[in-house]
Amino acid sequence: MMKKMRRKDRQLNTEDTLTVLEQGEYGILSTICENGTPYGVPVSYVYSNNCIYFHCAKNVGLKLDNIGNNSNVCFTVVGKTELLPAKFSTKYESAIVFGQARLLKENEKKEPLLKLIEKYSPDFMEAGRKYVEKSSSETDIVEISINHATGKGRK
């Protein structure tokens, strides 16, 4: 059961939460290992169609093993931050997503890969399209279907 946010005055509305997800540079994927140990790993990602997508090496790695054993995941993005030393505080914005992760099938990979290129290499879309056509079979794409998302911030 999820606890309610303690500082309701810092809760972001849905639109601002989605903006954090759209503009974030990277996110932390949290999974559970087979023995119950939590595992968090930073990944490059894109938010699209109420889902999070990220790429990884094909068929290898602890995150894929964990998702295979338990598809429930948590994904955290920290947006803009600014230290406020004189106030012993920080301005910040963040979003936390809870959902189910799954590996995409080969015929589902192209659009998320192009969205990743559009986000991280927008000035190289033509080369990116060629790269996707050539290399998509060598990478896995994970989709996180969002069940619940919350945002928090101090402006």
C-alpha atoms as a PDB file:
ATOM      1  CA  MET A   1       0.000   0.000   0.000  1.00  0.00           C
ATOM      2  CA  MET A   2       1.355   3.425  -0.954  1.00  0.00           C
ATOM      3  CA  LYS A   3       1.625   6.091   1.717  1.00  0.00           C
ATOM      4  CA  LYS A   4       0.238   9.527   1.049  1.00  0.00           C
ATOM      5  CA  MET A   5       2.612  12.390   0.390  1.00  0.00           C
ATOM      6  CA  ARG A   6       3.509  14.128   3.659  1.00  0.00           C
ATOM      7  CA  ARG A   7       4.036  17.606   2.174  1.00  0.00           C
ATOM      8  CA  LYS A   8       0.866  18.111   0.126  1.00  0.00           C
ATOM      9  CA  ASP A   9       1.940  21.720  -0.490  1.00  0.00           C
ATOM     10  CA  ARG A  10       4.822  20.365  -2.595  1.00  0.00           C
ATOM     11  CA  GLN A  11       2.794  17.932  -4.677  1.00  0.00           C
ATOM     12  CA  LEU A  12       2.949  18.707  -8.402  1.00  0.00           C
ATOM     13  CA  ASN A  13      -0.201  18.620 -10.470  1.00  0.00           C
ATOM     14  CA  THR A  14      -0.505  16.060 -13.260  1.00  0.00           C
ATOM     15  CA  GLU A  15       0.642  18.457 -15.984  1.00  0.00           C
ATOM     16  CA  ASP A  16       3.805  19.468 -14.095  1.00  0.00           C
ATOM     17  CA  THR A  17       4.552  15.839 -13.221  1.00  0.00           C
ATOM     18  CA  LEU A  18       4.336  14.871 -16.897  1.00  0.00           C
ATOM     19  CA  THR A  19       6.596  17.801 -17.805  1.00  0.00           C
ATOM     20  CA  VAL A  20       9.262  16.447 -15.418  1.00  0.00           C
ATOM     21  CA  LEU A  21       8.951  13.048 -17.125  1.00  0.00           C
ATOM     22  CA  GLU A  22       9.124  14.571 -20.609  1.00  0.00           C
ATOM     23  CA  GLN A  23      12.118  16.814 -19.904  1.00  0.00           C
ATOM     24  CA  GLY A  24      14.211  14.630 -17.582  1.00  0.00           C
ATOM     25  CA  GLU A  25      17.688  13.722 -18.764  1.00  0.00           C
ATOM     26  CA  TYR A  26      17.774  10.276 -17.148  1.00  0.00           C
ATOM     27  CA  GLY A  27      15.798   8.195 -14.692  1.00  0.00           C
ATOM     28  CA  ILE A  28      16.478   5.561 -12.072  1.00  0.00           C
ATOM     29  CA  LEU A  29      14.843   2.203 -12.745  1.00  0.00           C
ATOM     30  CA  SER A  30      14.178   0.251  -9.550  1.00  0.00           C
ATOM     31  CA  THR A  31      13.515  -3.469  -9.674  1.00  0.00           C
ATOM     32  CA  ILE A  32      13.579  -6.365  -7.226  1.00  0.00           C
ATOM     33  CA  CYS A  33      16.138  -9.166  -7.518  1.00  0.00           C
ATOM     34  CA  GLU A  34      15.030 -12.782  -7.288  1.00  0.00           C
ATOM     35  CA  ASN A  35      16.325 -12.933  -3.688  1.00  0.00           C
ATOM     36  CA  GLY A  36      14.339  -9.792  -2.728  1.00  0.00           C
ATOM     37  CA  THR A  37      17.254  -7.332  -2.901  1.00  0.00           C
ATOM     38  CA  PRO A  38      16.296  -3.960  -4.398  1.00  0.00           C
ATOM     39  CA  TYR A  39      18.245  -2.817  -7.460  1.00  0.00           C
ATOM     40  CA  GLY A  40      18.321   0.690  -8.933  1.00  0.00           C
ATOM     41  CA  VAL A  41      20.098   1.649 -12.129  1.00  0.00           C
ATOM     42  CA  PRO A  42      20.215   4.937 -14.088  1.00  0.00           C
ATOM     43  CA  VAL A  43      18.942   4.743 -17.668  1.00  0.00           C
ATOM     44  CA  SER A  44      18.363   7.094 -20.586  1.00  0.00           C
ATOM     45  CA  TYR A  45      14.670   7.059 -21.400  1.00  0.00           C
ATOM     46  CA  VAL A  46      11.811   8.698 -23.224  1.00  0.00           C
ATOM     47  CA  TYR A  47       8.254   9.334 -22.031  1.00  0.00           C
ATOM     48  CA  SER A  48       5.597   8.757 -24.704  1.00  0.00           C
ATOM     49  CA  ASN A  49       1.946   7.615 -24.777  1.00  0.00           C
ATOM     50  CA  ASN A  50       1.773   7.336 -20.966  1.00  0.00           C
ATOM     51  CA  CYS A  51       4.735   4.922 -20.989  1.00  0.00           C
ATOM     52  CA  ILE A  52       8.444   5.069 -20.244  1.00  0.00           C
ATOM     53  CA  TYR A  53      10.807   3.462 -22.774  1.00  0.00           C
ATOM     54  CA  PHE A  54      14.506   2.675 -22.434  1.00  0.00           C
ATOM     55  CA  HIS A  55      16.971   0.583 -24.399  1.00  0.00           C
ATOM     56  CA  CYS A  56      19.515  -1.931 -23.202  1.00  0.00           C
ATOM     57  CA  ALA A  57      21.791  -4.700 -24.414  1.00  0.00           C
ATOM     58  CA  LYS A  58      19.900  -7.645 -25.837  1.00  0.00           C
ATOM     59  CA  ASN A  59      19.018 -10.435 -23.409  1.00  0.00           C
ATOM     60  CA  VAL A  60      21.627  -9.543 -20.772  1.00  0.00           C
ATOM     61  CA  GLY A  61      21.773  -7.784 -17.466  1.00  0.00           C
ATOM     62  CA  LEU A  62      20.325  -7.793 -14.004  1.00  0.00           C
ATOM     63  CA  LYS A  63      17.528  -5.357 -14.867  1.00  0.00           C
ATOM     64  CA  LEU A  64      16.173  -7.713 -17.548  1.00  0.00           C
ATOM     65  CA  ASP A  65      16.512 -10.714 -15.227  1.00  0.00           C
ATOM     66  CA  ASN A  66      14.610  -8.835 -12.523  1.00  0.00           C
ATOM     67  CA  ILE A  67      11.860  -7.676 -14.897  1.00  0.00           C
ATOM     68  CA  GLY A  68      11.521 -11.264 -16.104  1.00  0.00           C
ATOM     69  CA  ASN A  69      10.974 -12.416 -12.520  1.00  0.00           C
ATOM     70  CA  ASN A  70       8.785  -9.495 -11.389  1.00  0.00           C
ATOM     71  CA  SER A  71       7.426  -6.923 -13.824  1.00  0.00           C
ATOM     72  CA  ASN A  72       6.527  -4.400 -11.080  1.00  0.00           C
ATOM     73  CA  VAL A  73       8.939  -1.470 -11.217  1.00  0.00           C
ATOM     74  CA  CYS A  74       9.437   2.020  -9.900  1.00  0.00           C
ATOM     75  CA  PHE A  75      11.007   4.752 -12.043  1.00  0.00           C
ATOM     76  CA  THR A  76      12.280   8.051 -10.610  1.00  0.00           C
ATOM     77  CA  VAL A  77      13.235  11.222 -12.467  1.00  0.00           C
ATOM     78  CA  VAL A  78      14.837  14.270 -10.861  1.00  0.00           C
ATOM     79  CA  GLY A  79      14.277  17.399 -12.914  1.00  0.00           C
ATOM     80  CA  LYS A  80      15.676  20.867 -12.333  1.00  0.00           C
ATOM     81  CA  THR A  81      17.456  21.480  -9.030  1.00  0.00           C
ATOM     82  CA  GLU A  82      19.020  24.502  -7.389  1.00  0.00           C
ATOM     83  CA  LEU A  83      20.892  24.508  -4.093  1.00  0.00           C
ATOM     84  CA  LEU A  84      19.785  27.107  -1.539  1.00  0.00           C
ATOM     85  CA  PRO A  85      22.770  27.049   0.858  1.00  0.00           C
ATOM     86  CA  ALA A  86      21.639  29.973   3.019  1.00  0.00           C
ATOM     87  CA  LYS A  87      18.293  28.232   3.583  1.00  0.00           C
ATOM     88  CA  PHE A  88      19.826  24.760   4.039  1.00  0.00           C
ATOM     89  CA  SER A  89      17.507  23.543   1.336  1.00  0.00           C
ATOM     90  CA  THR A  90      17.068  22.863  -2.365  1.00  0.00           C
ATOM     91  CA  LYS A  91      14.651  23.892  -5.084  1.00  0.00           C
ATOM     92  CA  TYR A  92      13.737  20.729  -6.950  1.00  0.00           C
ATOM     93  CA  GLU A  93      11.217  18.837  -9.023  1.00  0.00           C
ATOM     94  CA  SER A  94      10.844  15.096  -9.275  1.00  0.00           C
ATOM     95  CA  ALA A  95       8.478  12.425 -10.528  1.00  0.00           C
ATOM     96  CA  ILE A  96       7.986   8.858  -9.394  1.00  0.00           C
ATOM     97  CA  VAL A  97       6.257   6.292 -11.590  1.00  0.00           C
ATOM     98  CA  PHE A  98       4.911   2.899 -10.572  1.00  0.00           C
ATOM     99  CA  GLY A  99       4.096   0.410 -13.300  1.00  0.00           C
ATOM    100  CA  GLN A 100       4.729  -2.834 -15.119  1.00  0.00           C
ATOM    101  CA  ALA A 101       7.709  -3.377 -17.383  1.00  0.00           C
ATOM    102  CA  ARG A 102       7.846  -5.617 -20.407  1.00  0.00           C
ATOM    103  CA  LEU A 103      10.260  -6.292 -23.235  1.00  0.00           C
ATOM    104  CA  LEU A 104       8.947  -5.099 -26.564  1.00  0.00           C
ATOM    105  CA  LYS A 105       8.673  -7.452 -29.502  1.00  0.00           C
ATOM    106  CA  GLU A 106      10.843  -6.847 -32.546  1.00  0.00           C
ATOM    107  CA  ASN A 107       8.022  -5.155 -34.494  1.00  0.00           C
ATOM    108  CA  GLU A 108       7.339  -2.735 -31.589  1.00  0.00           C
ATOM    109  CA  LYS A 109      10.863  -1.303 -31.218  1.00  0.00           C
ATOM    110  CA  LYS A 110      11.162   1.203 -34.064  1.00  0.00           C
ATOM    111  CA  GLU A 111       8.941   4.007 -32.729  1.00  0.00           C
ATOM    112  CA  PRO A 112      10.452   4.065 -29.206  1.00  0.00           C
ATOM    113  CA  LEU A 113      13.973   3.983 -30.656  1.00  0.00           C
ATOM    114  CA  LEU A 114      13.169   6.936 -32.916  1.00  0.00           C
ATOM    115  CA  LYS A 115      11.667   8.800 -29.921  1.00  0.00           C
ATOM    116  CA  LEU A 116      14.915   8.207 -27.998  1.00  0.00           C
ATOM    117  CA  ILE A 117      16.937   9.619 -30.914  1.00  0.00           C
ATOM    118  CA  GLU A 118      14.557  12.577 -31.179  1.00  0.00           C
ATOM    119  CA  LYS A 119      15.069  13.314 -27.478  1.00  0.00           C
ATOM    120  CA  TYR A 120      18.831  12.830 -27.200  1.00  0.00           C
ATOM    121  CA  SER A 121      20.088  13.546 -30.757  1.00  0.00           C
ATOM    122  CA  PRO A 122      17.484  15.786 -32.440  1.00  0.00           C
ATOM    123  CA  ASP A 123      20.004  17.287 -34.858  1.00  0.00           C
ATOM    124  CA  PHE A 124      20.868  13.842 -36.228  1.00  0.00           C
ATOM    125  CA  MET A 125      17.461  12.354 -37.069  1.00  0.00           C
ATOM    126  CA  GLU A 126      18.387  11.157 -40.559  1.00  0.00           C
ATOM    127  CA  ALA A 127      21.481   9.331 -39.314  1.00  0.00           C
ATOM    128  CA  GLY A 128      19.408   8.097 -36.370  1.00  0.00           C
ATOM    129  CA  ARG A 129      16.778   6.570 -38.659  1.00  0.00           C
ATOM    130  CA  LYS A 130      19.510   4.683 -40.512  1.00  0.00           C
ATOM    131  CA  TYR A 131      21.025   3.578 -37.215  1.00  0.00           C
ATOM    132  CA  VAL A 132      17.656   2.263 -36.002  1.00  0.00           C
ATOM    133  CA  GLU A 133      17.086   0.336 -39.238  1.00  0.00           C
ATOM    134  CA  LYS A 134      20.528  -1.230 -38.989  1.00  0.00           C
ATOM    135  CA  SER A 135      20.794  -1.862 -35.248  1.00  0.00           C
ATOM    136  CA  SER A 136      17.317  -2.334 -33.749  1.00  0.00           C
ATOM    137  CA  SER A 137      17.641  -6.128 -33.797  1.00  0.00           C
ATOM    138  CA  GLU A 138      20.759  -5.829 -31.612  1.00  0.00           C
ATOM    139  CA  THR A 139      19.053  -3.990 -28.748  1.00  0.00           C
ATOM    140  CA  ASP A 140      16.167  -4.587 -26.390  1.00  0.00           C
ATOM    141  CA  ILE A 141      13.536  -1.976 -25.588  1.00  0.00           C
ATOM    142  CA  VAL A 142      11.652  -2.049 -22.301  1.00  0.00           C
ATOM    143  CA  GLU A 143       8.265  -0.383 -21.934  1.00  0.00           C
ATOM    144  CA  ILE A 144       6.958   0.665 -18.535  1.00  0.00           C
ATOM    145  CA  SER A 145       3.175   1.020 -18.568  1.00  0.00           C
ATOM    146  CA  ILE A 146       2.398   3.643 -15.946  1.00  0.00           C
ATOM    147  CA  ASN A 147      -0.151   2.693 -13.301  1.00  0.00           C
ATOM    148  CA  HIS A 148       0.457   5.642 -11.013  1.00  0.00           C
ATOM    149  CA  ALA A 149       2.691   8.729 -11.118  1.00  0.00           C
ATOM    150  CA  THR A 150       3.327  11.455  -8.548  1.00  0.00           C
ATOM    151  CA  GLY A 151       5.377  14.598  -8.700  1.00  0.00           C
ATOM    152  CA  LYS A 152       6.888  16.729  -5.973  1.00  0.00           C
ATOM    153  CA  GLY A 153       8.743  20.010  -6.011  1.00  0.00           C
ATOM    154  CA  ARG A 154       9.896  23.084  -4.205  1.00  0.00           C
ATOM    155  CA  LYS A 155       9.717  26.163  -6.367  1.00  0.00           C
END
